Amino acid sequence: MTTHVLVGTSPADATRHAELVTTAGQLGADLAFLQLASPSLGEVLDRLAARRETSVTLVGVSSG
């Protein structure tokens, strides 16, 4: 099974945190950010590696 991660790519995405949490939840995806918000992409990838996920698809989202 593939794990999907929505990745906020711009600083403006940090201000949409609650909206993106809702969207990720509706899609059954994890959420990560490159800038100004948590969790960071590194944190999410570390967590997925610890769970031994073998297939991860990153989906960039940007409102900036």
Protein backbone atom coordinates (compact mmCIF):
# COMPACT_ATOMS: atom_id res chain seq x y z
CA MET A 1 0.00 0.00 0.00
CA THR A 2 1.23 3.50 -0.80
CA THR A 3 1.32 6.19 1.86
CA HIS A 4 0.55 9.66 0.54
CA VAL A 5 2.01 12.81 2.08
CA LEU A 6 0.66 16.26 1.29
CA VAL A 7 3.59 18.67 1.44
CA GLY A 8 3.04 22.38 2.00
CA THR A 9 5.74 23.99 -0.10
CA SER A 10 5.39 27.71 0.58
CA PRO A 11 5.32 29.93 3.65
CA ALA A 12 1.67 30.74 2.89
CA ASP A 13 0.78 27.09 3.48
CA ALA A 14 1.67 27.46 7.16
CA THR A 15 -1.24 29.91 7.51
CA ARG A 16 -3.56 27.26 5.98
CA HIS A 17 -2.47 24.62 8.50
CA ALA A 18 -5.98 23.78 9.78
CA GLU A 19 -7.40 23.58 6.26
CA LEU A 20 -4.58 21.30 5.11
CA VAL A 21 -4.97 19.06 8.18
CA THR A 22 -8.63 18.63 7.24
CA THR A 23 -7.82 17.94 3.59
CA ALA A 24 -5.14 15.40 4.48
CA GLY A 25 -7.55 13.68 6.86
CA GLN A 26 -10.25 13.47 4.22
CA LEU A 27 -7.77 11.93 1.79
CA GLY A 28 -6.24 9.55 4.31
CA ALA A 29 -2.86 11.22 3.80
CA ASP A 30 -0.15 12.48 6.11
CA LEU A 31 0.75 16.17 6.13
CA ALA A 32 4.18 17.79 6.14
CA PHE A 33 5.63 21.23 5.55
CA LEU A 34 8.86 22.51 4.04
CA GLN A 35 8.73 25.87 5.83
CA LEU A 36 7.33 27.59 8.93
CA ALA A 37 5.03 24.81 10.17
CA SER A 38 5.14 21.37 11.74
CA PRO A 39 5.54 18.59 11.16
CA SER A 40 8.49 19.01 8.83
CA LEU A 41 8.90 16.73 5.85
CA GLY A 42 11.94 15.19 7.54
CA GLU A 43 9.92 14.35 10.66
CA VAL A 44 7.19 12.69 8.62
CA LEU A 45 9.64 10.70 6.50
CA ASP A 46 11.49 9.56 9.63
CA ARG A 47 8.19 8.39 11.15
CA LEU A 48 7.26 6.53 7.97
CA ALA A 49 10.70 4.90 7.83
CA ALA A 50 10.32 3.78 11.44
CA ARG A 51 7.01 2.15 10.45
CA ARG A 52 8.88 0.50 7.56
CA GLU A 53 6.64 2.04 4.91
CA THR A 54 7.93 0.88 1.54
CA SER A 55 5.98 3.13 -0.81
CA VAL A 56 5.55 6.86 -0.23
CA THR A 57 4.15 9.40 -2.68
CA LEU A 58 4.76 13.09 -2.01
CA VAL A 59 2.11 15.50 -3.28
CA GLY A 60 3.13 19.14 -3.28
CA VAL A 61 0.53 21.76 -2.44
CA SER A 62 1.16 25.48 -2.60
CA SER A 63 -0.87 28.58 -2.02
CA GLY A 64 2.09 30.92 -2.41
